[in-house]
N, C-alpha and C. Protein backbone atom coordinates (compact mmCIF):
# COMPACT_ATOMS: atom_id res chain seq x y z
N MET A 1 -60.82 144.91 -58.59
CA MET A 1 -59.47 145.17 -59.07
C MET A 1 -58.82 143.88 -59.57
N GLN A 2 -58.99 142.78 -58.87
CA GLN A 2 -58.39 141.51 -59.27
C GLN A 2 -58.98 141.01 -60.59
N LEU A 3 -60.28 141.15 -60.77
CA LEU A 3 -60.93 140.67 -61.98
C LEU A 3 -60.44 141.44 -63.21
N GLU A 4 -60.25 142.74 -63.08
CA GLU A 4 -59.74 143.53 -64.19
C GLU A 4 -58.32 143.13 -64.56
N PHE A 5 -57.50 142.82 -63.57
CA PHE A 5 -56.12 142.41 -63.82
C PHE A 5 -56.09 141.06 -64.54
N ILE A 6 -56.92 140.12 -64.08
CA ILE A 6 -56.96 138.80 -64.70
C ILE A 6 -57.49 138.90 -66.13
N THR A 7 -58.50 139.73 -66.33
CA THR A 7 -59.05 139.91 -67.68
C THR A 7 -58.01 140.51 -68.62
N ALA A 8 -57.28 141.51 -68.17
CA ALA A 8 -56.24 142.12 -69.00
C ALA A 8 -55.13 141.14 -69.30
N THR A 9 -54.76 140.32 -68.32
CA THR A 9 -53.71 139.34 -68.52
C THR A 9 -54.14 138.28 -69.54
N LEU A 10 -55.36 137.80 -69.42
CA LEU A 10 -55.85 136.80 -70.37
C LEU A 10 -55.99 137.39 -71.77
N PHE A 11 -56.38 138.66 -71.85
CA PHE A 11 -56.47 139.33 -73.15
C PHE A 11 -55.10 139.42 -73.82
N ASN A 12 -54.09 139.82 -73.06
CA ASN A 12 -52.72 139.90 -73.59
C ASN A 12 -52.20 138.52 -73.98
N LEU A 13 -52.53 137.51 -73.19
CA LEU A 13 -52.12 136.15 -73.52
C LEU A 13 -52.74 135.70 -74.82
N GLY A 14 -54.01 136.01 -75.01
CA GLY A 14 -54.70 135.64 -76.25
C GLY A 14 -54.10 136.32 -77.46
N ILE A 15 -53.79 137.60 -77.33
CA ILE A 15 -53.17 138.33 -78.45
C ILE A 15 -51.80 137.75 -78.77
N ASN A 16 -51.01 137.45 -77.76
CA ASN A 16 -49.68 136.87 -77.99
C ASN A 16 -49.77 135.49 -78.62
N LEU A 17 -50.76 134.70 -78.24
CA LEU A 17 -50.93 133.39 -78.87
C LEU A 17 -51.33 133.53 -80.34
N ILE A 18 -52.17 134.49 -80.64
CA ILE A 18 -52.55 134.73 -82.03
C ILE A 18 -51.33 135.15 -82.85
N TYR A 19 -50.51 136.05 -82.31
CA TYR A 19 -49.30 136.47 -83.01
C TYR A 19 -48.34 135.29 -83.21
N THR A 20 -48.26 134.43 -82.23
CA THR A 20 -47.36 133.27 -82.34
C THR A 20 -47.81 132.32 -83.43
N VAL A 21 -49.09 132.03 -83.48
CA VAL A 21 -49.62 131.15 -84.52
C VAL A 21 -49.46 131.79 -85.89
N LEU A 22 -49.70 133.09 -85.98
CA LEU A 22 -49.52 133.81 -87.24
C LEU A 22 -48.06 133.75 -87.70
N ALA A 23 -47.13 133.95 -86.78
CA ALA A 23 -45.71 133.88 -87.13
C ALA A 23 -45.32 132.48 -87.58
N LEU A 24 -45.89 131.47 -86.95
CA LEU A 24 -45.61 130.08 -87.34
C LEU A 24 -46.07 129.83 -88.77
N PHE A 25 -47.28 130.25 -89.10
CA PHE A 25 -47.79 130.04 -90.45
C PHE A 25 -46.98 130.82 -91.48
N ILE A 26 -46.60 132.05 -91.17
CA ILE A 26 -45.79 132.83 -92.11
C ILE A 26 -44.43 132.19 -92.31
N GLY A 27 -43.84 131.66 -91.24
CA GLY A 27 -42.56 130.98 -91.36
C GLY A 27 -42.63 129.74 -92.22
N ILE A 28 -43.68 128.97 -92.06
CA ILE A 28 -43.84 127.76 -92.87
C ILE A 28 -44.09 128.12 -94.32
N ILE A 29 -44.90 129.14 -94.56
CA ILE A 29 -45.14 129.58 -95.94
C ILE A 29 -43.84 130.10 -96.58
N ALA A 30 -43.03 130.82 -95.80
CA ALA A 30 -41.75 131.30 -96.32
C ALA A 30 -40.83 130.14 -96.67
N LEU A 31 -40.79 129.13 -95.82
CA LEU A 31 -39.94 127.98 -96.09
C LEU A 31 -40.40 127.23 -97.33
N ILE A 32 -41.69 127.06 -97.49
CA ILE A 32 -42.21 126.38 -98.68
C ILE A 32 -41.94 127.20 -99.93
N THR A 33 -42.10 128.52 -99.84
CA THR A 33 -41.84 129.39 -100.99
C THR A 33 -40.37 129.33 -101.40
N ILE A 34 -39.49 129.38 -100.42
CA ILE A 34 -38.06 129.29 -100.73
C ILE A 34 -37.73 127.94 -101.34
N ASP A 35 -38.37 126.89 -100.83
CA ASP A 35 -38.13 125.55 -101.35
C ASP A 35 -38.59 125.44 -102.80
N LYS A 36 -39.74 125.98 -103.12
CA LYS A 36 -40.30 125.83 -104.46
C LYS A 36 -39.70 126.79 -105.47
N LYS A 37 -39.44 128.03 -105.07
CA LYS A 37 -39.00 129.05 -106.03
C LYS A 37 -37.48 129.16 -106.15
N LEU A 38 -36.77 129.17 -105.03
CA LEU A 38 -35.34 129.43 -105.08
C LEU A 38 -34.49 128.16 -105.16
N LEU A 39 -34.93 127.12 -104.51
CA LEU A 39 -34.15 125.88 -104.46
C LEU A 39 -34.84 124.78 -105.25
N ARG A 40 -34.92 124.98 -106.54
CA ARG A 40 -35.63 124.01 -107.38
C ARG A 40 -34.90 122.68 -107.48
N THR A 41 -33.59 122.69 -107.37
CA THR A 41 -32.84 121.45 -107.54
C THR A 41 -32.69 120.67 -106.23
N VAL A 42 -33.00 121.31 -105.10
CA VAL A 42 -32.86 120.65 -103.80
C VAL A 42 -34.26 120.42 -103.23
N ASP A 43 -34.55 119.17 -102.90
CA ASP A 43 -35.82 118.82 -102.29
C ASP A 43 -35.63 118.78 -100.78
N ILE A 44 -36.06 119.85 -100.09
CA ILE A 44 -35.84 119.95 -98.65
C ILE A 44 -36.56 118.83 -97.91
N GLU A 45 -37.82 118.58 -98.27
CA GLU A 45 -38.58 117.54 -97.57
C GLU A 45 -37.96 116.17 -97.79
N GLY A 46 -37.52 115.88 -99.01
CA GLY A 46 -36.89 114.59 -99.29
C GLY A 46 -35.58 114.42 -98.55
N GLU A 47 -34.80 115.48 -98.50
CA GLU A 47 -33.52 115.42 -97.78
C GLU A 47 -33.74 115.27 -96.27
N LEU A 48 -34.78 115.90 -95.75
CA LEU A 48 -35.08 115.73 -94.33
C LEU A 48 -35.49 114.30 -94.01
N LYS A 49 -36.23 113.68 -94.92
CA LYS A 49 -36.63 112.28 -94.72
C LYS A 49 -35.42 111.35 -94.78
N ASN A 50 -34.40 111.74 -95.56
CA ASN A 50 -33.18 110.93 -95.64
C ASN A 50 -32.23 111.17 -94.47
N GLY A 51 -32.55 112.14 -93.62
CA GLY A 51 -31.73 112.39 -92.44
C GLY A 51 -30.56 113.33 -92.67
N ASN A 52 -30.67 114.21 -93.66
CA ASN A 52 -29.60 115.16 -93.95
C ASN A 52 -29.62 116.28 -92.90
N ILE A 53 -28.58 116.34 -92.09
CA ILE A 53 -28.50 117.31 -91.00
C ILE A 53 -28.32 118.73 -91.53
N ALA A 54 -27.56 118.90 -92.60
CA ALA A 54 -27.30 120.24 -93.15
C ALA A 54 -28.59 120.89 -93.63
N VAL A 55 -29.45 120.12 -94.26
CA VAL A 55 -30.72 120.67 -94.74
C VAL A 55 -31.62 121.03 -93.57
N SER A 56 -31.60 120.24 -92.52
CA SER A 56 -32.43 120.56 -91.36
C SER A 56 -31.94 121.84 -90.66
N ILE A 57 -30.62 122.03 -90.61
CA ILE A 57 -30.07 123.27 -90.04
C ILE A 57 -30.46 124.46 -90.92
N PHE A 58 -30.40 124.29 -92.23
CA PHE A 58 -30.79 125.37 -93.16
C PHE A 58 -32.26 125.73 -92.99
N ALA A 59 -33.13 124.72 -92.92
CA ALA A 59 -34.56 124.97 -92.79
C ALA A 59 -34.88 125.64 -91.46
N SER A 60 -34.24 125.20 -90.40
CA SER A 60 -34.51 125.82 -89.09
C SER A 60 -33.96 127.24 -89.04
N THR A 61 -32.86 127.51 -89.73
CA THR A 61 -32.32 128.86 -89.79
C THR A 61 -33.28 129.80 -90.50
N ILE A 62 -33.90 129.34 -91.56
CA ILE A 62 -34.89 130.16 -92.27
C ILE A 62 -36.06 130.47 -91.35
N LEU A 63 -36.55 129.46 -90.62
CA LEU A 63 -37.68 129.68 -89.72
C LEU A 63 -37.32 130.65 -88.60
N ILE A 64 -36.13 130.53 -88.05
CA ILE A 64 -35.69 131.45 -86.99
C ILE A 64 -35.56 132.87 -87.54
N PHE A 65 -35.01 133.00 -88.74
CA PHE A 65 -34.86 134.31 -89.37
C PHE A 65 -36.21 134.98 -89.58
N VAL A 66 -37.18 134.23 -90.09
CA VAL A 66 -38.52 134.79 -90.31
C VAL A 66 -39.16 135.15 -88.97
N ALA A 67 -38.96 134.33 -87.94
CA ALA A 67 -39.54 134.62 -86.63
C ALA A 67 -38.95 135.90 -86.03
N ILE A 68 -37.66 136.11 -86.21
CA ILE A 68 -37.02 137.33 -85.69
C ILE A 68 -37.56 138.57 -86.41
N ILE A 69 -37.71 138.49 -87.71
CA ILE A 69 -38.24 139.62 -88.48
C ILE A 69 -39.66 139.93 -88.06
N ILE A 70 -40.48 138.90 -87.91
CA ILE A 70 -41.87 139.12 -87.51
C ILE A 70 -41.95 139.68 -86.10
N SER A 71 -41.11 139.18 -85.19
CA SER A 71 -41.17 139.67 -83.81
C SER A 71 -40.79 141.14 -83.73
N PHE A 72 -39.80 141.57 -84.52
CA PHE A 72 -39.47 143.00 -84.54
C PHE A 72 -40.60 143.82 -85.13
N GLY A 73 -41.28 143.26 -86.12
CA GLY A 73 -42.41 143.97 -86.72
C GLY A 73 -43.59 144.09 -85.77
N LEU A 74 -43.80 143.08 -84.95
CA LEU A 74 -44.93 143.10 -84.03
C LEU A 74 -44.69 143.99 -82.82
N LYS A 75 -43.42 144.22 -82.49
CA LYS A 75 -43.12 145.07 -81.34
C LYS A 75 -43.45 146.54 -81.64
N GLY A 76 -43.49 146.86 -82.91
CA GLY A 76 -43.93 148.21 -83.31
C GLY A 76 -42.86 149.19 -83.18
């Protein structure tokens, strides 16, 4: 009984880790796409290197938004 419980727990942990990594990659791709397609005049990476706090808040908001959408989609 204990071995089955541990196996099921590790299986669920593995699936959740895969979903987390997938959500991270989708969020980064979304941020890059928004940077290249929608914000052509604003260089997000350059502004982040210059220490612009507003751009960092904007970029993190996009990543959080994508993560929330993906998490609702994965819950089924």
